[in-house]
Amino acid sequence: MDYVSALVPPVVMAAFFIGLVVTIVKSQGGPNKAKEDAAVDAAFARAESAEPATAPDARGA
C-alpha cells in the first residue's frame, strides 16, 4: 500500500494542473477579450507612468 500513498500526491497535482491549463485555454478570446485587453493596456499604462524617468546611478553617487 506504500506505492498507493506515494502515487496519490503527484496524480492529484497533475489533475489540478491539467484542469488549470484547460481553464486558461478555454478563457482565451471570446466575448470578453476586448474588455480584458483594455484592462491589461490600462494596467501597463499605469505602471509605465509610475516608473521614474531616469534610472538611478549604479555607483550610488
PDB file of N, CA and C in Angstrom:
ATOM      1  N   MET A   1       0.809  -1.205   0.000  1.00  0.00           N
ATOM      2  CA  MET A   1       0.000   0.000   0.000  1.00  0.00           C
ATOM      3  C   MET A   1       0.851   1.268   0.000  1.00  0.00           C
ATOM      4  N   ASP A   2       2.150   1.125   0.244  1.00  0.00           N
ATOM      5  CA  ASP A   2       3.006   2.301   0.234  1.00  0.00           C
ATOM      6  C   ASP A   2       3.061   2.939  -1.160  1.00  0.00           C
ATOM      7  N   TYR A   3       2.977   2.112  -2.187  1.00  0.00           N
ATOM      8  CA  TYR A   3       3.045   2.657  -3.539  1.00  0.00           C
ATOM      9  C   TYR A   3       1.816   3.513  -3.844  1.00  0.00           C
ATOM     10  N   VAL A   4       0.673   3.184  -3.268  1.00  0.00           N
ATOM     11  CA  VAL A   4      -0.534   3.989  -3.486  1.00  0.00           C
ATOM     12  C   VAL A   4      -0.357   5.363  -2.842  1.00  0.00           C
ATOM     13  N   SER A   5       0.117   5.389  -1.609  1.00  0.00           N
ATOM     14  CA  SER A   5       0.304   6.667  -0.923  1.00  0.00           C
ATOM     15  C   SER A   5       1.415   7.487  -1.572  1.00  0.00           C
ATOM     16  N   ALA A   6       2.353   6.838  -2.253  1.00  0.00           N
ATOM     17  CA  ALA A   6       3.419   7.560  -2.949  1.00  0.00           C
ATOM     18  C   ALA A   6       2.925   8.131  -4.266  1.00  0.00           C
ATOM     19  N   LEU A   7       1.945   7.513  -4.897  1.00  0.00           N
ATOM     20  CA  LEU A   7       1.461   7.962  -6.205  1.00  0.00           C
ATOM     21  C   LEU A   7       0.310   8.960  -6.125  1.00  0.00           C
ATOM     22  N   VAL A   8      -0.415   9.006  -5.024  1.00  0.00           N
ATOM     23  CA  VAL A   8      -1.594   9.869  -4.933  1.00  0.00           C
ATOM     24  C   VAL A   8      -1.240  11.359  -5.068  1.00  0.00           C
ATOM     25  N   PRO A   9      -0.268  11.905  -4.325  1.00  0.00           N
ATOM     26  CA  PRO A   9       0.002  13.346  -4.460  1.00  0.00           C
ATOM     27  C   PRO A   9       0.379  13.785  -5.879  1.00  0.00           C
ATOM     28  N   PRO A  10       1.270  13.086  -6.597  1.00  0.00           N
ATOM     29  CA  PRO A  10       1.572  13.525  -7.950  1.00  0.00           C
ATOM     30  C   PRO A  10       0.372  13.419  -8.898  1.00  0.00           C
ATOM     31  N   VAL A  11      -0.445  12.407  -8.721  1.00  0.00           N
ATOM     32  CA  VAL A  11      -1.622  12.257  -9.575  1.00  0.00           C
ATOM     33  C   VAL A  11      -2.619  13.383  -9.310  1.00  0.00           C
ATOM     34  N   VAL A  12      -2.816  13.731  -8.058  1.00  0.00           N
ATOM     35  CA  VAL A  12      -3.731  14.822  -7.708  1.00  0.00           C
ATOM     36  C   VAL A  12      -3.198  16.143  -8.254  1.00  0.00           C
ATOM     37  N   MET A  13      -1.907  16.400  -8.085  1.00  0.00           N
ATOM     38  CA  MET A  13      -1.325  17.643  -8.599  1.00  0.00           C
ATOM     39  C   MET A  13      -1.407  17.701 -10.119  1.00  0.00           C
ATOM     40  N   ALA A  14      -1.188  16.583 -10.784  1.00  0.00           N
ATOM     41  CA  ALA A  14      -1.289  16.551 -12.242  1.00  0.00           C
ATOM     42  C   ALA A  14      -2.715  16.841 -12.687  1.00  0.00           C
ATOM     43  N   ALA A  15      -3.693  16.294 -11.996  1.00  0.00           N
ATOM     44  CA  ALA A  15      -5.096  16.541 -12.356  1.00  0.00           C
ATOM     45  C   ALA A  15      -5.438  18.023 -12.191  1.00  0.00           C
ATOM     46  N   PHE A  16      -5.015  18.636 -11.090  1.00  0.00           N
ATOM     47  CA  PHE A  16      -5.276  20.062 -10.897  1.00  0.00           C
ATOM     48  C   PHE A  16      -4.556  20.902 -11.941  1.00  0.00           C
ATOM     49  N   PHE A  17      -3.338  20.544 -12.284  1.00  0.00           N
ATOM     50  CA  PHE A  17      -2.585  21.290 -13.287  1.00  0.00           C
ATOM     51  C   PHE A  17      -3.262  21.197 -14.647  1.00  0.00           C
ATOM     52  N   ILE A  18      -3.711  20.005 -15.012  1.00  0.00           N
ATOM     53  CA  ILE A  18      -4.419  19.840 -16.289  1.00  0.00           C
ATOM     54  C   ILE A  18      -5.697  20.673 -16.281  1.00  0.00           C
ATOM     55  N   GLY A  19      -6.417  20.665 -15.179  1.00  0.00           N
ATOM     56  CA  GLY A  19      -7.626  21.488 -15.064  1.00  0.00           C
ATOM     57  C   GLY A  19      -7.316  22.971 -15.196  1.00  0.00           C
ATOM     58  N   LEU A  20      -6.214  23.414 -14.597  1.00  0.00           N
ATOM     59  CA  LEU A  20      -5.816  24.818 -14.702  1.00  0.00           C
ATOM     60  C   LEU A  20      -5.493  25.199 -16.143  1.00  0.00           C
ATOM     61  N   VAL A  21      -4.734  24.354 -16.827  1.00  0.00           N
ATOM     62  CA  VAL A  21      -4.376  24.628 -18.217  1.00  0.00           C
ATOM     63  C   VAL A  21      -5.623  24.661 -19.096  1.00  0.00           C
ATOM     64  N   VAL A  22      -6.528  23.724 -18.896  1.00  0.00           N
ATOM     65  CA  VAL A  22      -7.763  23.696 -19.685  1.00  0.00           C
ATOM     66  C   VAL A  22      -8.581  24.956 -19.436  1.00  0.00           C
ATOM     67  N   THR A  23      -8.665  25.398 -18.187  1.00  0.00           N
ATOM     68  CA  THR A  23      -9.412  26.611 -17.858  1.00  0.00           C
ATOM     69  C   THR A  23      -8.782  27.827 -18.515  1.00  0.00           C
ATOM     70  N   ILE A  24      -7.459  27.928 -18.488  1.00  0.00           N
ATOM     71  CA  ILE A  24      -6.773  29.064 -19.112  1.00  0.00           C
ATOM     72  C   ILE A  24      -7.004  29.069 -20.612  1.00  0.00           C
ATOM     73  N   VAL A  25      -6.901  27.918 -21.239  1.00  0.00           N
ATOM     74  CA  VAL A  25      -7.078  27.849 -22.688  1.00  0.00           C
ATOM     75  C   VAL A  25      -8.513  28.196 -23.069  1.00  0.00           C
ATOM     76  N   LYS A  26      -9.481  27.710 -22.307  1.00  0.00           N
ATOM     77  CA  LYS A  26     -10.883  27.989 -22.625  1.00  0.00           C
ATOM     78  C   LYS A  26     -11.239  29.456 -22.414  1.00  0.00           C
ATOM     79  N   SER A  27     -10.547  30.132 -21.507  1.00  0.00           N
ATOM     80  CA  SER A  27     -10.890  31.524 -21.205  1.00  0.00           C
ATOM     81  C   SER A  27     -10.214  32.512 -22.160  1.00  0.00           C
ATOM     82  N   GLN A  28      -9.380  32.030 -23.063  1.00  0.00           N
ATOM     83  CA  GLN A  28      -8.727  32.920 -24.020  1.00  0.00           C
ATOM     84  C   GLN A  28      -9.721  33.306 -25.107  1.00  0.00           C
ATOM     85  N   GLY A  29      -9.723  34.580 -25.466  1.00  0.00           N
ATOM     86  CA  GLY A  29     -10.622  35.035 -26.525  1.00  0.00           C
ATOM     87  C   GLY A  29     -12.041  35.149 -26.016  1.00  0.00           C
ATOM     88  N   GLY A  30     -12.978  34.998 -26.913  1.00  0.00           N
ATOM     89  CA  GLY A  30     -14.379  35.068 -26.540  1.00  0.00           C
ATOM     90  C   GLY A  30     -14.874  36.504 -26.467  1.00  0.00           C
ATOM     91  N   PRO A  31     -16.091  36.671 -25.967  1.00  0.00           N
ATOM     92  CA  PRO A  31     -16.715  37.996 -25.960  1.00  0.00           C
ATOM     93  C   PRO A  31     -16.041  39.007 -25.031  1.00  0.00           C
ATOM     94  N   ASN A  32     -15.318  38.544 -24.015  1.00  0.00           N
ATOM     95  CA  ASN A  32     -14.694  39.457 -23.059  1.00  0.00           C
ATOM     96  C   ASN A  32     -13.266  39.830 -23.443  1.00  0.00           C
ATOM     97  N   LYS A  33     -12.784  39.371 -24.598  1.00  0.00           N
ATOM     98  CA  LYS A  33     -11.387  39.600 -24.968  1.00  0.00           C
ATOM     99  C   LYS A  33     -11.066  41.089 -25.059  1.00  0.00           C
ATOM    100  N   ALA A  34     -11.916  41.871 -25.671  1.00  0.00           N
ATOM    101  CA  ALA A  34     -11.645  43.306 -25.806  1.00  0.00           C
ATOM    102  C   ALA A  34     -11.589  43.987 -24.444  1.00  0.00           C
ATOM    103  N   LYS A  35     -12.493  43.605 -23.544  1.00  0.00           N
ATOM    104  CA  LYS A  35     -12.504  44.204 -22.209  1.00  0.00           C
ATOM    105  C   LYS A  35     -11.250  43.810 -21.441  1.00  0.00           C
ATOM    106  N   GLU A  36     -10.830  42.548 -21.546  1.00  0.00           N
ATOM    107  CA  GLU A  36      -9.618  42.106 -20.865  1.00  0.00           C
ATOM    108  C   GLU A  36      -8.383  42.798 -21.433  1.00  0.00           C
ATOM    109  N   ASP A  37      -8.328  42.935 -22.761  1.00  0.00           N
ATOM    110  CA  ASP A  37      -7.192  43.611 -23.385  1.00  0.00           C
ATOM    111  C   ASP A  37      -7.124  45.064 -22.942  1.00  0.00           C
ATOM    112  N   ALA A  38      -8.271  45.721 -22.842  1.00  0.00           N
ATOM    113  CA  ALA A  38      -8.293  47.116 -22.402  1.00  0.00           C
ATOM    114  C   ALA A  38      -7.816  47.232 -20.953  1.00  0.00           C
ATOM    115  N   ALA A  39      -8.199  46.283 -20.112  1.00  0.00           N
ATOM    116  CA  ALA A  39      -7.769  46.311 -18.713  1.00  0.00           C
ATOM    117  C   ALA A  39      -6.263  46.123 -18.607  1.00  0.00           C
ATOM    118  N   VAL A  40      -5.708  45.226 -19.400  1.00  0.00           N
ATOM    119  CA  VAL A  40      -4.262  44.994 -19.380  1.00  0.00           C
ATOM    120  C   VAL A  40      -3.528  46.213 -19.909  1.00  0.00           C
ATOM    121  N   ASP A  41      -4.025  46.813 -20.980  1.00  0.00           N
ATOM    122  CA  ASP A  41      -3.395  48.017 -21.520  1.00  0.00           C
ATOM    123  C   ASP A  41      -3.413  49.147 -20.498  1.00  0.00           C
ATOM    124  N   ALA A  42      -4.508  49.295 -19.776  1.00  0.00           N
ATOM    125  CA  ALA A  42      -4.597  50.340 -18.749  1.00  0.00           C
ATOM    126  C   ALA A  42      -3.616  50.067 -17.613  1.00  0.00           C
ATOM    127  N   ALA A  43      -3.466  48.806 -17.228  1.00  0.00           N
ATOM    128  CA  ALA A  43      -2.518  48.465 -16.163  1.00  0.00           C
ATOM    129  C   ALA A  43      -1.090  48.751 -16.598  1.00  0.00           C
ATOM    130  N   PHE A  44      -0.755  48.420 -17.854  1.00  0.00           N
ATOM    131  CA  PHE A  44       0.587  48.731 -18.365  1.00  0.00           C
ATOM    132  C   PHE A  44       0.818  50.234 -18.399  1.00  0.00           C
ATOM    133  N   ALA A  45      -0.183  51.002 -18.805  1.00  0.00           N
ATOM    134  CA  ALA A  45      -0.040  52.460 -18.864  1.00  0.00           C
ATOM    135  C   ALA A  45       0.197  53.032 -17.475  1.00  0.00           C
ATOM    136  N   ARG A  46      -0.541  52.529 -16.469  1.00  0.00           N
ATOM    137  CA  ARG A  46      -0.335  53.000 -15.093  1.00  0.00           C
ATOM    138  C   ARG A  46       1.059  52.649 -14.602  1.00  0.00           C
ATOM    139  N   ALA A  47       1.525  51.434 -14.914  1.00  0.00           N
ATOM    140  CA  ALA A  47       2.846  51.009 -14.452  1.00  0.00           C
ATOM    141  C   ALA A  47       3.939  51.835 -15.110  1.00  0.00           C
ATOM    142  N   GLU A  48       3.790  52.134 -16.390  1.00  0.00           N
ATOM    143  CA  GLU A  48       4.808  52.918 -17.086  1.00  0.00           C
ATOM    144  C   GLU A  48       4.826  54.355 -16.592  1.00  0.00           C
ATOM    145  N   SER A  49       3.668  54.918 -16.264  1.00  0.00           N
ATOM    146  CA  SER A  49       3.639  56.305 -15.800  1.00  0.00           C
ATOM    147  C   SER A  49       4.167  56.424 -14.374  1.00  0.00           C
ATOM    148  N   ALA A  50       4.145  55.342 -13.612  1.00  0.00           N
ATOM    149  CA  ALA A  50       4.618  55.378 -12.232  1.00  0.00           C
ATOM    150  C   ALA A  50       6.125  55.184 -12.136  1.00  0.00           C
ATOM    151  N   GLU A  51       6.776  54.686 -13.192  1.00  0.00           N
ATOM    152  CA  GLU A  51       8.220  54.475 -13.161  1.00  0.00           C
ATOM    153  C   GLU A  51       8.954  55.815 -13.205  1.00  0.00           C
ATOM    154  N   PRO A  52      10.098  55.897 -12.528  1.00  0.00           N
ATOM    155  CA  PRO A  52      10.877  57.138 -12.593  1.00  0.00           C
ATOM    156  C   PRO A  52      11.405  57.365 -14.017  1.00  0.00           C
ATOM    157  N   ALA A  53      11.575  58.631 -14.371  1.00  0.00           N
ATOM    158  CA  ALA A  53      12.001  58.973 -15.727  1.00  0.00           C
ATOM    159  C   ALA A  53      13.421  58.508 -16.013  1.00  0.00           C
ATOM    160  N   THR A  54      14.304  58.571 -15.014  1.00  0.00           N
ATOM    161  CA  THR A  54      15.690  58.142 -15.216  1.00  0.00           C
ATOM    162  C   THR A  54      16.028  57.059 -14.208  1.00  0.00           C
ATOM    163  N   ALA A  55      16.883  56.149 -14.614  1.00  0.00           N
ATOM    164  CA  ALA A  55      17.327  55.093 -13.719  1.00  0.00           C
ATOM    165  C   ALA A  55      18.379  55.637 -12.781  1.00  0.00           C
ATOM    166  N   PRO A  56      18.396  55.185 -11.526  1.00  0.00           N
ATOM    167  CA  PRO A  56      19.418  55.662 -10.594  1.00  0.00           C
ATOM    168  C   PRO A  56      20.793  55.188 -11.024  1.00  0.00           C
ATOM    169  N   ASP A  57      21.783  55.962 -10.645  1.00  0.00           N
ATOM    170  CA  ASP A  57      23.162  55.622 -10.999  1.00  0.00           C
ATOM    171  C   ASP A  57      23.588  54.356 -10.267  1.00  0.00           C
ATOM    172  N   ALA A  58      24.215  53.447 -10.973  1.00  0.00           N
ATOM    173  CA  ALA A  58      24.616  52.161 -10.400  1.00  0.00           C
ATOM    174  C   ALA A  58      25.700  52.323  -9.337  1.00  0.00           C
ATOM    175  N   ARG A  59      26.494  53.403  -9.428  1.00  0.00           N
ATOM    176  CA  ARG A  59      27.569  53.608  -8.465  1.00  0.00           C
ATOM    177  C   ARG A  59      27.064  54.186  -7.169  1.00  0.00           C
ATOM    178  N   GLY A  60      25.819  54.652  -7.142  1.00  0.00           N
ATOM    179  CA  GLY A  60      25.248  55.206  -5.939  1.00  0.00           C
ATOM    180  C   GLY A  60      25.747  56.605  -5.616  1.00  0.00           C
ATOM    181  N   ALA A  61      26.355  57.266  -6.586  1.00  0.00           N
ATOM    182  CA  ALA A  61      26.905  58.607  -6.337  1.00  0.00           C
ATOM    183  C   ALA A  61      25.934  59.672  -6.775  1.00  0.00           C
TER     184      ALA A  61
END
